[in-house]
Amino acid sequence: MTTRTSAILLFWAVLIVFFAWDWTHASPVNHRKEPAILAIGSGQAPSGGHCSAF
């Protein structure tokens, strides 16, 4: 095996291990409390950031 192939395999192995660790240790996501993906035209007032300055 070449160094490049070893590096690629190591990268994917570390990435898969990280995802597996994150999957087992993360708390479940409550989709009802998540903000809307697109709130354009929803009538909601901005609550922070540069938008609230106007």
C-alpha atoms as a PDB file:
ATOM      1  CA  MET A   1       0.000   0.000   0.000  1.00  0.00           C
ATOM      2  CA  THR A   2       1.186   3.455  -0.772  1.00  0.00           C
ATOM      3  CA  THR A   3       1.266   6.344   1.661  1.00  0.00           C
ATOM      4  CA  ARG A   4      -1.571   8.062  -0.186  1.00  0.00           C
ATOM      5  CA  THR A   5      -3.818   4.992   0.034  1.00  0.00           C
ATOM      6  CA  SER A   6      -3.023   4.618   3.727  1.00  0.00           C
ATOM      7  CA  ALA A   7      -3.868   8.261   4.343  1.00  0.00           C
ATOM      8  CA  ILE A   8      -7.186   7.932   2.519  1.00  0.00           C
ATOM      9  CA  LEU A   9      -8.118   4.808   4.466  1.00  0.00           C
ATOM     10  CA  LEU A  10      -7.122   6.445   7.743  1.00  0.00           C
ATOM     11  CA  PHE A  11      -9.223   9.514   6.931  1.00  0.00           C
ATOM     12  CA  TRP A  12     -12.346   7.445   6.209  1.00  0.00           C
ATOM     13  CA  ALA A  13     -11.807   5.231   9.255  1.00  0.00           C
ATOM     14  CA  VAL A  14     -11.495   8.264  11.550  1.00  0.00           C
ATOM     15  CA  LEU A  15     -14.550   9.887   9.964  1.00  0.00           C
ATOM     16  CA  ILE A  16     -16.680   6.752  10.385  1.00  0.00           C
ATOM     17  CA  VAL A  17     -15.553   6.326  13.991  1.00  0.00           C
ATOM     18  CA  PHE A  18     -16.400   9.976  14.704  1.00  0.00           C
ATOM     19  CA  PHE A  19     -19.881   9.617  13.185  1.00  0.00           C
ATOM     20  CA  ALA A  20     -20.496   6.428  15.166  1.00  0.00           C
ATOM     21  CA  TRP A  21     -19.378   8.123  18.396  1.00  0.00           C
ATOM     22  CA  ASP A  22     -21.543  11.178  17.686  1.00  0.00           C
ATOM     23  CA  TRP A  23     -24.570   9.005  16.860  1.00  0.00           C
ATOM     24  CA  THR A  24     -24.318   7.167  20.177  1.00  0.00           C
ATOM     25  CA  HIS A  25     -23.577  10.201  22.402  1.00  0.00           C
ATOM     26  CA  ALA A  26     -25.787  12.938  20.911  1.00  0.00           C
ATOM     27  CA  SER A  27     -29.169  13.713  22.395  1.00  0.00           C
ATOM     28  CA  PRO A  28     -32.154  13.249  20.083  1.00  0.00           C
ATOM     29  CA  VAL A  29     -33.274  16.273  18.073  1.00  0.00           C
ATOM     30  CA  ASN A  30     -36.712  17.650  18.855  1.00  0.00           C
ATOM     31  CA  HIS A  31     -37.920  18.799  15.438  1.00  0.00           C
ATOM     32  CA  ARG A  32     -40.782  20.792  16.958  1.00  0.00           C
ATOM     33  CA  LYS A  33     -38.324  23.168  18.671  1.00  0.00           C
ATOM     34  CA  GLU A  34     -36.087  23.680  15.635  1.00  0.00           C
ATOM     35  CA  PRO A  35     -36.335  27.054  13.864  1.00  0.00           C
ATOM     36  CA  ALA A  36     -37.965  27.171  10.474  1.00  0.00           C
ATOM     37  CA  ILE A  37     -35.635  26.472   7.562  1.00  0.00           C
ATOM     38  CA  LEU A  38     -37.112  29.337   5.566  1.00  0.00           C
ATOM     39  CA  ALA A  39     -39.118  31.959   7.413  1.00  0.00           C
ATOM     40  CA  ILE A  40     -39.387  34.412   4.511  1.00  0.00           C
ATOM     41  CA  GLY A  41     -42.797  36.058   4.525  1.00  0.00           C
ATOM     42  CA  SER A  42     -43.876  34.324   7.724  1.00  0.00           C
ATOM     43  CA  GLY A  43     -44.518  37.569   9.560  1.00  0.00           C
ATOM     44  CA  GLN A  44     -42.082  36.674  12.326  1.00  0.00           C
ATOM     45  CA  ALA A  45     -40.142  39.635  13.651  1.00  0.00           C
ATOM     46  CA  PRO A  46     -36.347  39.287  13.689  1.00  0.00           C
ATOM     47  CA  SER A  47     -34.987  38.676  17.158  1.00  0.00           C
ATOM     48  CA  GLY A  48     -31.257  39.131  16.747  1.00  0.00           C
ATOM     49  CA  GLY A  49     -28.368  39.883  14.480  1.00  0.00           C
ATOM     50  CA  HIS A  50     -28.120  42.753  12.063  1.00  0.00           C
ATOM     51  CA  CYS A  51     -31.792  42.511  11.037  1.00  0.00           C
ATOM     52  CA  SER A  52     -33.019  43.742  14.425  1.00  0.00           C
ATOM     53  CA  ALA A  53     -31.103  46.997  14.081  1.00  0.00           C
ATOM     54  CA  PHE A  54     -33.501  48.346  11.447  1.00  0.00           C
END
